[in-house]
């Protein structure tokens, strides 16, 4: 039986082209500090001409991960996902390769129409999935609502760790690229993210945030991460290791939020004041549970600075 992983374990999900020859070493020897999850990319990161060598490299990675499976457990190494190029490639990988050492697939260009075909491919495996929302349909709230309802009722529901928002692909649909000095929320993607959160989070699906492709614009990344957190997104795509520590810090829970969460879950009062704000356990309980789960994984920072990070003693969900 497949055990769905907590979306909070994703953190900064680093995408790596499958043509790299050091992926197994990165995974097994924790070569990138703070890396919690990575995606071996067979789609956008490689050209058609590179597919044969990418598949050869992937096979070697899978062989090494499989051989080391009993040594490096899933809790000690980064989570590993594969993003196939399309349905046909996914079917080929499942039929020809040993995927028992990876944690799941990232499903590109996912739509309601492609759901049956994806399920036919993965239903007899133990793979978790992260469908990517990155097609023209994503701009249509009615179609997204239809997809959310279908996913909530589909047998694949228990396999879905999170839905990934494909920011660059969505911007491409409307012939735009984000300006260097603005966050995604400052343009049309602000509407899209808000809409997707309203539609999918209400049905208990987690969503991850798109990549900030301007690698050297640290201030933009920090501002965007603050908005990611405010919108309830659980992790963020990364394209460079230098982004990982910044994303990790943003995912830490403030001591004030942690204290409020504990009070909300432990209080017998219907309404009470805490740290200058009203707390109402009946309506804030789900938020409080989420805060504690996030704190368990990323830790807590003391308000006024992130120098004093402390961890909480909670039981982590897998």
C-alpha atoms as a PDB file:
ATOM      1  CA  UNK A   1       0.000   0.000   0.000  1.00  0.00           C
ATOM      2  CA  UNK A   2       1.310   3.462  -0.913  1.00  0.00           C
ATOM      3  CA  UNK A   3       1.973   5.836   1.980  1.00  0.00           C
ATOM      4  CA  UNK A   4       1.456   9.425   0.958  1.00  0.00           C
ATOM      5  CA  UNK A   5       4.298  11.684   2.016  1.00  0.00           C
ATOM      6  CA  UNK A   6       3.642  14.905   3.887  1.00  0.00           C
ATOM      7  CA  UNK A   7       3.899  17.885   1.498  1.00  0.00           C
ATOM      8  CA  UNK A   8       5.793  19.716   4.227  1.00  0.00           C
ATOM      9  CA  UNK A   9       8.748  17.423   3.629  1.00  0.00           C
ATOM     10  CA  UNK A  10       9.316  18.923   0.183  1.00  0.00           C
ATOM     11  CA  UNK A  11      10.915  22.219   1.218  1.00  0.00           C
ATOM     12  CA  UNK A  12      12.912  23.674  -1.662  1.00  0.00           C
ATOM     13  CA  UNK A  13      12.446  21.170  -4.478  1.00  0.00           C
ATOM     14  CA  UNK A  14      15.530  21.376  -6.685  1.00  0.00           C
ATOM     15  CA  UNK A  15      15.101  20.494 -10.358  1.00  0.00           C
ATOM     16  CA  UNK A  16      18.065  18.773 -12.020  1.00  0.00           C
ATOM     17  CA  UNK A  17      18.396  17.782 -15.681  1.00  0.00           C
ATOM     18  CA  UNK A  18      18.603  14.013 -16.079  1.00  0.00           C
ATOM     19  CA  UNK A  19      21.779  14.497 -18.117  1.00  0.00           C
ATOM     20  CA  UNK A  20      23.768  15.246 -14.956  1.00  0.00           C
ATOM     21  CA  UNK A  21      26.084  12.418 -13.952  1.00  0.00           C
ATOM     22  CA  UNK A  22      26.319  13.268 -10.237  1.00  0.00           C
ATOM     23  CA  UNK A  23      22.673  12.925  -9.176  1.00  0.00           C
ATOM     24  CA  UNK A  24      23.096   9.628  -7.323  1.00  0.00           C
ATOM     25  CA  UNK A  25      26.071  11.041  -5.437  1.00  0.00           C
ATOM     26  CA  UNK A  26      24.069  14.134  -4.472  1.00  0.00           C
ATOM     27  CA  UNK A  27      21.229  11.974  -3.156  1.00  0.00           C
ATOM     28  CA  UNK A  28      23.201   9.292  -1.350  1.00  0.00           C
ATOM     29  CA  UNK A  29      25.920  11.497   0.108  1.00  0.00           C
ATOM     30  CA  UNK A  30      23.873  14.643   0.817  1.00  0.00           C
ATOM     31  CA  UNK A  31      26.161  16.756  -1.353  1.00  0.00           C
ATOM     32  CA  UNK A  32      23.818  19.762  -1.267  1.00  0.00           C
ATOM     33  CA  UNK A  33      23.278  21.122   2.227  1.00  0.00           C
ATOM     34  CA  UNK A  34      19.653  21.431   3.279  1.00  0.00           C
ATOM     35  CA  UNK A  35      18.237  19.665   0.224  1.00  0.00           C
ATOM     36  CA  UNK A  36      14.977  17.922   1.122  1.00  0.00           C
ATOM     37  CA  UNK A  37      13.668  16.975  -2.304  1.00  0.00           C
ATOM     38  CA  UNK A  38      14.786  16.941  -5.918  1.00  0.00           C
ATOM     39  CA  UNK A  39      13.252  16.263  -9.312  1.00  0.00           C
ATOM     40  CA  UNK A  40      15.193  14.472 -12.034  1.00  0.00           C
ATOM     41  CA  UNK A  41      13.933  16.355 -15.060  1.00  0.00           C
ATOM     42  CA  UNK A  42      13.373  14.673 -18.413  1.00  0.00           C
ATOM     43  CA  UNK A  43      11.150  17.455 -19.742  1.00  0.00           C
ATOM     44  CA  UNK A  44      11.996  21.163 -19.987  1.00  0.00           C
ATOM     45  CA  UNK A  45      15.603  20.875 -18.826  1.00  0.00           C
ATOM     46  CA  UNK A  46      16.732  18.691 -21.722  1.00  0.00           C
ATOM     47  CA  UNK A  47      16.387  18.855 -25.503  1.00  0.00           C
ATOM     48  CA  UNK A  48      14.967  16.132 -27.741  1.00  0.00           C
ATOM     49  CA  UNK A  49      18.499  15.275 -28.868  1.00  0.00           C
ATOM     50  CA  UNK A  50      19.568  14.679 -25.260  1.00  0.00           C
ATOM     51  CA  UNK A  51      16.821  12.179 -24.425  1.00  0.00           C
ATOM     52  CA  UNK A  52      18.879   8.995 -25.077  1.00  0.00           C
ATOM     53  CA  UNK A  53      21.772  10.089 -22.844  1.00  0.00           C
ATOM     54  CA  UNK A  54      19.346  11.399 -20.217  1.00  0.00           C
ATOM     55  CA  UNK A  55      17.601   8.015 -20.038  1.00  0.00           C
ATOM     56  CA  UNK A  56      20.972   6.261 -19.795  1.00  0.00           C
ATOM     57  CA  UNK A  57      22.007   8.508 -16.902  1.00  0.00           C
ATOM     58  CA  UNK A  58      18.648   7.982 -15.209  1.00  0.00           C
ATOM     59  CA  UNK A  59      19.031   4.198 -15.389  1.00  0.00           C
ATOM     60  CA  UNK A  60      22.419   4.454 -13.676  1.00  0.00           C
ATOM     61  CA  UNK A  61      20.949   6.667 -10.968  1.00  0.00           C
ATOM     62  CA  UNK A  62      18.107   4.218 -10.352  1.00  0.00           C
ATOM     63  CA  UNK A  63      20.526   1.311 -10.164  1.00  0.00           C
ATOM     64  CA  UNK A  64      22.686   3.093  -7.586  1.00  0.00           C
ATOM     65  CA  UNK A  65      19.693   4.191  -5.510  1.00  0.00           C
ATOM     66  CA  UNK A  66      18.269   0.679  -5.589  1.00  0.00           C
ATOM     67  CA  UNK A  67      21.587  -0.848  -4.518  1.00  0.00           C
ATOM     68  CA  UNK A  68      21.839   1.606  -1.624  1.00  0.00           C
ATOM     69  CA  UNK A  69      18.181   1.410  -0.613  1.00  0.00           C
ATOM     70  CA  UNK A  70      18.847  -0.434   2.635  1.00  0.00           C
ATOM     71  CA  UNK A  71      21.640   1.953   3.565  1.00  0.00           C
ATOM     72  CA  UNK A  72      20.125   5.366   2.848  1.00  0.00           C
ATOM     73  CA  UNK A  73      16.523   5.408   4.009  1.00  0.00           C
ATOM     74  CA  UNK A  74      13.955   7.897   2.803  1.00  0.00           C
ATOM     75  CA  UNK A  75      14.208   9.850   6.069  1.00  0.00           C
ATOM     76  CA  UNK A  76      17.964  10.360   5.675  1.00  0.00           C
ATOM     77  CA  UNK A  77      18.220  11.278   2.015  1.00  0.00           C
ATOM     78  CA  UNK A  78      16.328  13.823  -0.070  1.00  0.00           C
ATOM     79  CA  UNK A  79      13.034  12.742  -1.553  1.00  0.00           C
ATOM     80  CA  UNK A  80      13.529  11.853  -5.218  1.00  0.00           C
ATOM     81  CA  UNK A  81      11.016  12.363  -8.014  1.00  0.00           C
ATOM     82  CA  UNK A  82      11.190  11.974 -11.773  1.00  0.00           C
ATOM     83  CA  UNK A  83       9.513  14.350 -14.188  1.00  0.00           C
ATOM     84  CA  UNK A  84       8.940  12.390 -17.410  1.00  0.00           C
ATOM     85  CA  UNK A  85       8.501  14.190 -20.692  1.00  0.00           C
ATOM     86  CA  UNK A  86       5.034  12.827 -21.385  1.00  0.00           C
ATOM     87  CA  UNK A  87       2.689   9.884 -20.813  1.00  0.00           C
ATOM     88  CA  UNK A  88       4.469   7.580 -23.241  1.00  0.00           C
ATOM     89  CA  UNK A  89       7.803   8.103 -21.510  1.00  0.00           C
ATOM     90  CA  UNK A  90       6.197   7.473 -18.120  1.00  0.00           C
ATOM     91  CA  UNK A  91       4.776   4.180 -19.338  1.00  0.00           C
ATOM     92  CA  UNK A  92       8.169   3.201 -20.709  1.00  0.00           C
ATOM     93  CA  UNK A  93       9.918   4.024 -17.426  1.00  0.00           C
ATOM     94  CA  UNK A  94       7.443   2.046 -15.335  1.00  0.00           C
ATOM     95  CA  UNK A  95       7.645  -0.985 -17.633  1.00  0.00           C
ATOM     96  CA  UNK A  96      11.422  -1.036 -18.096  1.00  0.00           C
ATOM     97  CA  UNK A  97      12.999   0.463 -14.974  1.00  0.00           C
ATOM     98  CA  UNK A  98      13.059  -0.333 -11.266  1.00  0.00           C
ATOM     99  CA  UNK A  99      11.387   2.716  -9.718  1.00  0.00           C
ATOM    100  CA  UNK A 100      11.168   1.233  -6.238  1.00  0.00           C
ATOM    101  CA  UNK A 101      13.898   3.526  -4.933  1.00  0.00           C
ATOM    102  CA  UNK A 102      12.212   6.819  -5.867  1.00  0.00           C
ATOM    103  CA  UNK A 103       9.339   8.557  -4.155  1.00  0.00           C
ATOM    104  CA  UNK A 104       7.153   9.476  -7.094  1.00  0.00           C
ATOM    105  CA  UNK A 105       6.541  11.221 -10.383  1.00  0.00           C
ATOM    106  CA  UNK A 106       5.934  14.848 -11.288  1.00  0.00           C
ATOM    107  CA  UNK A 107       3.198  14.766 -13.932  1.00  0.00           C
ATOM    108  CA  UNK A 108       3.703  17.462 -16.592  1.00  0.00           C
ATOM    109  CA  UNK A 109       0.889  19.364 -18.304  1.00  0.00           C
ATOM    110  CA  UNK A 110      -1.692  17.701 -16.068  1.00  0.00           C
ATOM    111  CA  UNK A 111      -5.363  18.170 -16.961  1.00  0.00           C
ATOM    112  CA  UNK A 112      -8.683  16.525 -16.209  1.00  0.00           C
ATOM    113  CA  UNK A 113      -8.596  14.931 -19.674  1.00  0.00           C
ATOM    114  CA  UNK A 114      -5.224  13.282 -18.973  1.00  0.00           C
ATOM    115  CA  UNK A 115      -6.184  11.978 -15.510  1.00  0.00           C
ATOM    116  CA  UNK A 116      -7.489   8.546 -16.681  1.00  0.00           C
ATOM    117  CA  UNK A 117      -4.364   7.878 -18.753  1.00  0.00           C
ATOM    118  CA  UNK A 118      -2.032   8.820 -15.904  1.00  0.00           C
ATOM    119  CA  UNK A 119      -3.955   6.634 -13.481  1.00  0.00           C
ATOM    120  CA  UNK A 120      -3.842   3.674 -15.841  1.00  0.00           C
ATOM    121  CA  UNK A 121      -0.052   3.954 -15.834  1.00  0.00           C
ATOM    122  CA  UNK A 122       0.587   4.409 -12.106  1.00  0.00           C
ATOM    123  CA  UNK A 123      -2.257   2.587 -10.357  1.00  0.00           C
ATOM    124  CA  UNK A 124      -0.370  -0.706  -9.997  1.00  0.00           C
ATOM    125  CA  UNK A 125       2.808   0.964  -8.710  1.00  0.00           C
ATOM    126  CA  UNK A 126       3.640   2.402  -5.287  1.00  0.00           C
ATOM    127  CA  UNK A 127       4.509   5.811  -6.721  1.00  0.00           C
ATOM    128  CA  UNK A 128       3.244   9.069  -5.255  1.00  0.00           C
ATOM    129  CA  UNK A 129       2.431  11.854  -7.702  1.00  0.00           C
ATOM    130  CA  UNK A 130       2.713  15.623  -7.988  1.00  0.00           C
ATOM    131  CA  UNK A 131       0.553  16.821 -10.899  1.00  0.00           C
ATOM    132  CA  UNK A 132       1.727  20.092 -12.442  1.00  0.00           C
ATOM    133  CA  UNK A 133      -0.814  22.781 -13.304  1.00  0.00           C
ATOM    134  CA  UNK A 134       0.741  24.578 -16.273  1.00  0.00           C
ATOM    135  CA  UNK A 135      -1.645  24.597 -19.243  1.00  0.00           C
ATOM    136  CA  UNK A 136      -4.081  27.177 -20.617  1.00  0.00           C
ATOM    137  CA  UNK A 137      -6.923  25.540 -18.661  1.00  0.00           C
ATOM    138  CA  UNK A 138      -5.391  26.716 -15.389  1.00  0.00           C
ATOM    139  CA  UNK A 139      -6.623  30.259 -16.088  1.00  0.00           C
ATOM    140  CA  UNK A 140     -10.231  29.017 -16.156  1.00  0.00           C
ATOM    141  CA  UNK A 141     -11.656  28.810 -12.634  1.00  0.00           C
ATOM    142  CA  UNK A 142     -14.557  26.600 -13.747  1.00  0.00           C
ATOM    143  CA  UNK A 143     -12.184  24.035 -15.241  1.00  0.00           C
ATOM    144  CA  UNK A 144      -9.996  24.109 -12.143  1.00  0.00           C
ATOM    145  CA  UNK A 145     -13.015  23.553  -9.931  1.00  0.00           C
ATOM    146  CA  UNK A 146     -14.016  20.609 -12.102  1.00  0.00           C
ATOM    147  CA  UNK A 147     -10.495  19.171 -11.821  1.00  0.00           C
ATOM    148  CA  UNK A 148     -10.397  19.661  -8.048  1.00  0.00           C
ATOM    149  CA  UNK A 149     -13.724  17.873  -7.564  1.00  0.00           C
ATOM    150  CA  UNK A 150     -12.623  15.001  -9.798  1.00  0.00           C
ATOM    151  CA  UNK A 151      -9.282  14.600  -8.003  1.00  0.00           C
ATOM    152  CA  UNK A 152     -10.932  14.658  -4.589  1.00  0.00           C
ATOM    153  CA  UNK A 153     -13.162  11.754  -5.588  1.00  0.00           C
ATOM    154  CA  UNK A 154     -10.617   9.788  -7.639  1.00  0.00           C
ATOM    155  CA  UNK A 155      -8.645   6.766  -6.333  1.00  0.00           C
ATOM    156  CA  UNK A 156      -5.424   8.693  -7.062  1.00  0.00           C
ATOM    157  CA  UNK A 157      -6.285  11.191  -4.322  1.00  0.00           C
ATOM    158  CA  UNK A 158      -4.199   9.326  -1.761  1.00  0.00           C
ATOM    159  CA  UNK A 159      -1.180   9.463  -4.089  1.00  0.00           C
ATOM    160  CA  UNK A 160      -1.218  13.249  -4.547  1.00  0.00           C
ATOM    161  CA  UNK A 161       1.440  14.832  -2.315  1.00  0.00           C
ATOM    162  CA  UNK A 162       0.888  18.306  -3.737  1.00  0.00           C
ATOM    163  CA  UNK A 163      -0.095  20.088  -6.897  1.00  0.00           C
ATOM    164  CA  UNK A 164       2.783  22.023  -8.460  1.00  0.00           C
ATOM    165  CA  UNK A 165       2.054  25.427 -10.003  1.00  0.00           C
ATOM    166  CA  UNK A 166       4.075  25.764 -13.208  1.00  0.00           C
ATOM    167  CA  UNK A 167       4.699  29.495 -13.171  1.00  0.00           C
ATOM    168  CA  UNK A 168       6.928  29.873 -16.220  1.00  0.00           C
ATOM    169  CA  UNK A 169       4.724  27.688 -18.422  1.00  0.00           C
ATOM    170  CA  UNK A 170       1.657  29.637 -17.334  1.00  0.00           C
ATOM    171  CA  UNK A 171       3.381  32.954 -18.049  1.00  0.00           C
ATOM    172  CA  UNK A 172       4.330  31.590 -21.462  1.00  0.00           C
ATOM    173  CA  UNK A 173       0.664  30.892 -22.207  1.00  0.00           C
ATOM    174  CA  UNK A 174      -0.021  34.631 -21.918  1.00  0.00           C
ATOM    175  CA  UNK A 175       3.274  35.649 -23.603  1.00  0.00           C
ATOM    176  CA  UNK A 176       4.819  37.147 -20.496  1.00  0.00           C
ATOM    177  CA  UNK A 177       7.938  36.826 -18.391  1.00  0.00           C
ATOM    178  CA  UNK A 178       8.176  38.245 -14.911  1.00  0.00           C
ATOM    179  CA  UNK A 179      10.192  41.480 -14.548  1.00  0.00           C
ATOM    180  CA  UNK A 180      13.370  41.130 -12.505  1.00  0.00           C
ATOM    181  CA  UNK A 181      12.244  43.437  -9.716  1.00  0.00           C
ATOM    182  CA  UNK A 182       8.736  42.050  -9.186  1.00  0.00           C
ATOM    183  CA  UNK A 183       7.347  38.933  -7.549  1.00  0.00           C
ATOM    184  CA  UNK A 184       4.937  36.603  -9.331  1.00  0.00           C
ATOM    185  CA  UNK A 185       2.164  38.084  -7.223  1.00  0.00           C
ATOM    186  CA  UNK A 186       2.663  41.526  -8.806  1.00  0.00           C
ATOM    187  CA  UNK A 187       1.384  40.314 -12.185  1.00  0.00           C
ATOM    188  CA  UNK A 188      -1.340  38.020 -13.567  1.00  0.00           C
ATOM    189  CA  UNK A 189       0.045  35.038 -11.654  1.00  0.00           C
ATOM    190  CA  UNK A 190      -1.113  36.724  -8.460  1.00  0.00           C
ATOM    191  CA  UNK A 191      -4.702  36.068  -9.527  1.00  0.00           C
ATOM    192  CA  UNK A 192      -3.906  32.524 -10.655  1.00  0.00           C
ATOM    193  CA  UNK A 193      -2.257  31.544  -7.361  1.00  0.00           C
ATOM    194  CA  UNK A 194      -5.075  33.027  -5.298  1.00  0.00           C
ATOM    195  CA  UNK A 195      -7.658  31.219  -7.411  1.00  0.00           C
ATOM    196  CA  UNK A 196      -5.844  27.870  -7.228  1.00  0.00           C
ATOM    197  CA  UNK A 197      -5.484  28.161  -3.444  1.00  0.00           C
ATOM    198  CA  UNK A 198      -9.203  28.926  -3.097  1.00  0.00           C
ATOM    199  CA  UNK A 199     -10.212  26.014  -5.338  1.00  0.00           C
ATOM    200  CA  UNK A 200      -7.769  23.271  -4.295  1.00  0.00           C
ATOM    201  CA  UNK A 201      -6.875  24.077  -0.679  1.00  0.00           C
ATOM    202  CA  UNK A 202     -10.562  24.091   0.192  1.00  0.00           C
ATOM    203  CA  UNK A 203     -10.545  20.428  -0.888  1.00  0.00           C
ATOM    204  CA  UNK A 204      -7.482  19.664   1.228  1.00  0.00           C
ATOM    205  CA  UNK A 205      -4.882  19.647  -1.562  1.00  0.00           C
ATOM    206  CA  UNK A 206      -1.475  21.186  -0.931  1.00  0.00           C
ATOM    207  CA  UNK A 207       0.072  23.508  -3.520  1.00  0.00           C
ATOM    208  CA  UNK A 208       3.723  24.342  -4.137  1.00  0.00           C
ATOM    209  CA  UNK A 209       5.053  27.677  -5.349  1.00  0.00           C
ATOM    210  CA  UNK A 210       6.679  28.295  -8.748  1.00  0.00           C
ATOM    211  CA  UNK A 211      10.368  28.957  -9.177  1.00  0.00           C
ATOM    212  CA  UNK A 212      11.940  32.392  -8.916  1.00  0.00           C
ATOM    213  CA  UNK A 213      14.140  32.224 -11.997  1.00  0.00           C
ATOM    214  CA  UNK A 214      16.046  35.424 -11.231  1.00  0.00           C
ATOM    215  CA  UNK A 215      18.666  33.599  -9.194  1.00  0.00           C
ATOM    216  CA  UNK A 216      20.671  36.657  -8.114  1.00  0.00           C
ATOM    217  CA  UNK A 217      17.644  38.728  -7.051  1.00  0.00           C
ATOM    218  CA  UNK A 218      17.644  37.673  -3.390  1.00  0.00           C
ATOM    219  CA  UNK A 219      15.336  40.462  -2.298  1.00  0.00           C
ATOM    220  CA  UNK A 220      12.695  39.428  -4.830  1.00  0.00           C
ATOM    221  CA  UNK A 221      12.930  35.812  -3.695  1.00  0.00           C
ATOM    222  CA  UNK A 222      12.483  36.802  -0.041  1.00  0.00           C
ATOM    223  CA  UNK A 223       9.469  38.998  -0.805  1.00  0.00           C
ATOM    224  CA  UNK A 224       7.932  36.257  -2.925  1.00  0.00           C
ATOM    225  CA  UNK A 225       8.464  33.657  -0.214  1.00  0.00           C
ATOM    226  CA  UNK A 226       6.642  35.837   2.315  1.00  0.00           C
ATOM    227  CA  UNK A 227       3.686  35.927  -0.061  1.00  0.00           C
ATOM    228  CA  UNK A 228       3.956  32.177  -0.689  1.00  0.00           C
ATOM    229  CA  UNK A 229       3.605  31.583   3.042  1.00  0.00           C
ATOM    230  CA  UNK A 230       0.721  34.047   3.315  1.00  0.00           C
ATOM    231  CA  UNK A 231      -1.109  32.100   0.600  1.00  0.00           C
ATOM    232  CA  UNK A 232      -0.535  28.762   2.343  1.00  0.00           C
ATOM    233  CA  UNK A 233       1.830  27.246  -0.223  1.00  0.00           C
ATOM    234  CA  UNK A 234       3.871  24.394   1.227  1.00  0.00           C
ATOM    235  CA  UNK A 235       7.166  24.521  -0.672  1.00  0.00           C
ATOM    236  CA  UNK A 236       8.897  26.144  -3.608  1.00  0.00           C
ATOM    237  CA  UNK A 237      10.598  24.985  -6.776  1.00  0.00           C
ATOM    238  CA  UNK A 238      14.310  25.835  -6.830  1.00  0.00           C
ATOM    239  CA  UNK A 239      16.651  25.906  -9.810  1.00  0.00           C
ATOM    240  CA  UNK A 240      19.884  26.682  -7.956  1.00  0.00           C
ATOM    241  CA  UNK A 241      21.323  25.392  -4.649  1.00  0.00           C
ATOM    242  CA  UNK A 242      21.859  28.999  -3.523  1.00  0.00           C
ATOM    243  CA  UNK A 243      18.079  29.352  -3.192  1.00  0.00           C
ATOM    244  CA  UNK A 244      17.665  26.473  -0.755  1.00  0.00           C
ATOM    245  CA  UNK A 245      18.707  28.139   2.513  1.00  0.00           C
ATOM    246  CA  UNK A 246      16.513  31.168   1.815  1.00  0.00           C
ATOM    247  CA  UNK A 247      13.507  28.958   1.145  1.00  0.00           C
ATOM    248  CA  UNK A 248      14.225  26.900   4.272  1.00  0.00           C
ATOM    249  CA  UNK A 249      14.357  30.007   6.456  1.00  0.00           C
ATOM    250  CA  UNK A 250      11.073  31.276   5.060  1.00  0.00           C
ATOM    251  CA  UNK A 251       9.389  27.954   5.894  1.00  0.00           C
ATOM    252  CA  UNK A 252      10.350  28.159   9.566  1.00  0.00           C
ATOM    253  CA  UNK A 253       7.483  29.047  11.866  1.00  0.00           C
ATOM    254  CA  UNK A 254       7.592  32.185  13.997  1.00  0.00           C
ATOM    255  CA  UNK A 255       7.567  31.639  17.744  1.00  0.00           C
ATOM    256  CA  UNK A 256       4.425  33.797  17.970  1.00  0.00           C
ATOM    257  CA  UNK A 257       2.539  31.598  15.489  1.00  0.00           C
ATOM    258  CA  UNK A 258       3.752  28.455  17.235  1.00  0.00           C
ATOM    259  CA  UNK A 259       2.595  29.712  20.625  1.00  0.00           C
ATOM    260  CA  UNK A 260      -0.785  30.750  19.226  1.00  0.00           C
ATOM    261  CA  UNK A 261      -1.199  27.337  17.581  1.00  0.00           C
ATOM    262  CA  UNK A 262      -0.547  25.526  20.861  1.00  0.00           C
ATOM    263  CA  UNK A 263      -2.998  27.760  22.724  1.00  0.00           C
ATOM    264  CA  UNK A 264      -5.679  27.286  20.082  1.00  0.00           C
ATOM    265  CA  UNK A 265      -5.392  23.487  20.224  1.00  0.00           C
ATOM    266  CA  UNK A 266      -5.236  23.324  24.011  1.00  0.00           C
ATOM    267  CA  UNK A 267      -7.751  26.005  25.006  1.00  0.00           C
ATOM    268  CA  UNK A 268     -11.255  25.248  26.237  1.00  0.00           C
ATOM    269  CA  UNK A 269     -12.385  28.809  25.562  1.00  0.00           C
ATOM    270  CA  UNK A 270     -14.482  29.593  22.492  1.00  0.00           C
ATOM    271  CA  UNK A 271     -12.632  32.857  21.895  1.00  0.00           C
ATOM    272  CA  UNK A 272      -9.587  34.385  23.588  1.00  0.00           C
ATOM    273  CA  UNK A 273      -6.949  37.043  23.040  1.00  0.00           C
ATOM    274  CA  UNK A 274      -3.327  36.068  22.439  1.00  0.00           C
ATOM    275  CA  UNK A 275      -0.453  38.389  21.553  1.00  0.00           C
ATOM    276  CA  UNK A 276      -2.811  41.160  20.544  1.00  0.00           C
ATOM    277  CA  UNK A 277      -4.998  39.030  18.258  1.00  0.00           C
ATOM    278  CA  UNK A 278      -8.272  37.161  18.595  1.00  0.00           C
ATOM    279  CA  UNK A 279      -7.960  33.383  18.581  1.00  0.00           C
ATOM    280  CA  UNK A 280     -11.014  31.253  17.846  1.00  0.00           C
ATOM    281  CA  UNK A 281     -10.303  27.491  18.081  1.00  0.00           C
ATOM    282  CA  UNK A 282     -13.403  26.561  16.060  1.00  0.00           C
ATOM    283  CA  UNK A 283     -12.126  28.457  12.993  1.00  0.00           C
ATOM    284  CA  UNK A 284      -8.355  28.448  13.612  1.00  0.00           C
ATOM    285  CA  UNK A 285      -7.862  24.771  14.428  1.00  0.00           C
ATOM    286  CA  UNK A 286      -6.840  23.665  10.926  1.00  0.00           C
ATOM    287  CA  UNK A 287      -4.362  26.528  10.720  1.00  0.00           C
ATOM    288  CA  UNK A 288      -2.926  25.542  14.110  1.00  0.00           C
ATOM    289  CA  UNK A 289      -2.449  21.901  13.092  1.00  0.00           C
ATOM    290  CA  UNK A 290      -0.703  23.046   9.944  1.00  0.00           C
ATOM    291  CA  UNK A 291       1.618  25.339  11.894  1.00  0.00           C
ATOM    292  CA  UNK A 292       2.668  22.531  14.241  1.00  0.00           C
ATOM    293  CA  UNK A 293       3.364  20.161  11.365  1.00  0.00           C
ATOM    294  CA  UNK A 294       5.429  22.808   9.611  1.00  0.00           C
ATOM    295  CA  UNK A 295       7.311  23.611  12.817  1.00  0.00           C
ATOM    296  CA  UNK A 296       8.137  19.960  13.354  1.00  0.00           C
ATOM    297  CA  UNK A 297       9.957  19.835  10.051  1.00  0.00           C
ATOM    298  CA  UNK A 298      11.480  23.305   9.651  1.00  0.00           C
ATOM    299  CA  UNK A 299      11.814  24.523  13.222  1.00  0.00           C
ATOM    300  CA  UNK A 300      10.918  27.810  14.899  1.00  0.00           C
ATOM    301  CA  UNK A 301      12.519  31.225  14.723  1.00  0.00           C
ATOM    302  CA  UNK A 302      12.289  33.753  17.503  1.00  0.00           C
ATOM    303  CA  UNK A 303      10.399  36.887  16.494  1.00  0.00           C
ATOM    304  CA  UNK A 304      12.768  39.736  15.824  1.00  0.00           C
ATOM    305  CA  UNK A 305      15.434  37.590  14.162  1.00  0.00           C
ATOM    306  CA  UNK A 306      16.247  34.095  13.007  1.00  0.00           C
ATOM    307  CA  UNK A 307      19.367  33.609  15.109  1.00  0.00           C
ATOM    308  CA  UNK A 308      17.706  31.570  17.836  1.00  0.00           C
ATOM    309  CA  UNK A 309      16.176  28.634  16.024  1.00  0.00           C
ATOM    310  CA  UNK A 310      14.748  25.891  18.188  1.00  0.00           C
ATOM    311  CA  UNK A 311      12.953  22.679  17.261  1.00  0.00           C
ATOM    312  CA  UNK A 312       9.737  21.371  18.730  1.00  0.00           C
ATOM    313  CA  UNK A 313       9.154  17.841  19.938  1.00  0.00           C
ATOM    314  CA  UNK A 314       6.245  16.644  17.864  1.00  0.00           C
ATOM    315  CA  UNK A 315       5.486  13.435  16.057  1.00  0.00           C
ATOM    316  CA  UNK A 316       6.239  13.956  12.352  1.00  0.00           C
ATOM    317  CA  UNK A 317       3.705  12.734   9.839  1.00  0.00           C
ATOM    318  CA  UNK A 318       4.883  10.837   6.792  1.00  0.00           C
END
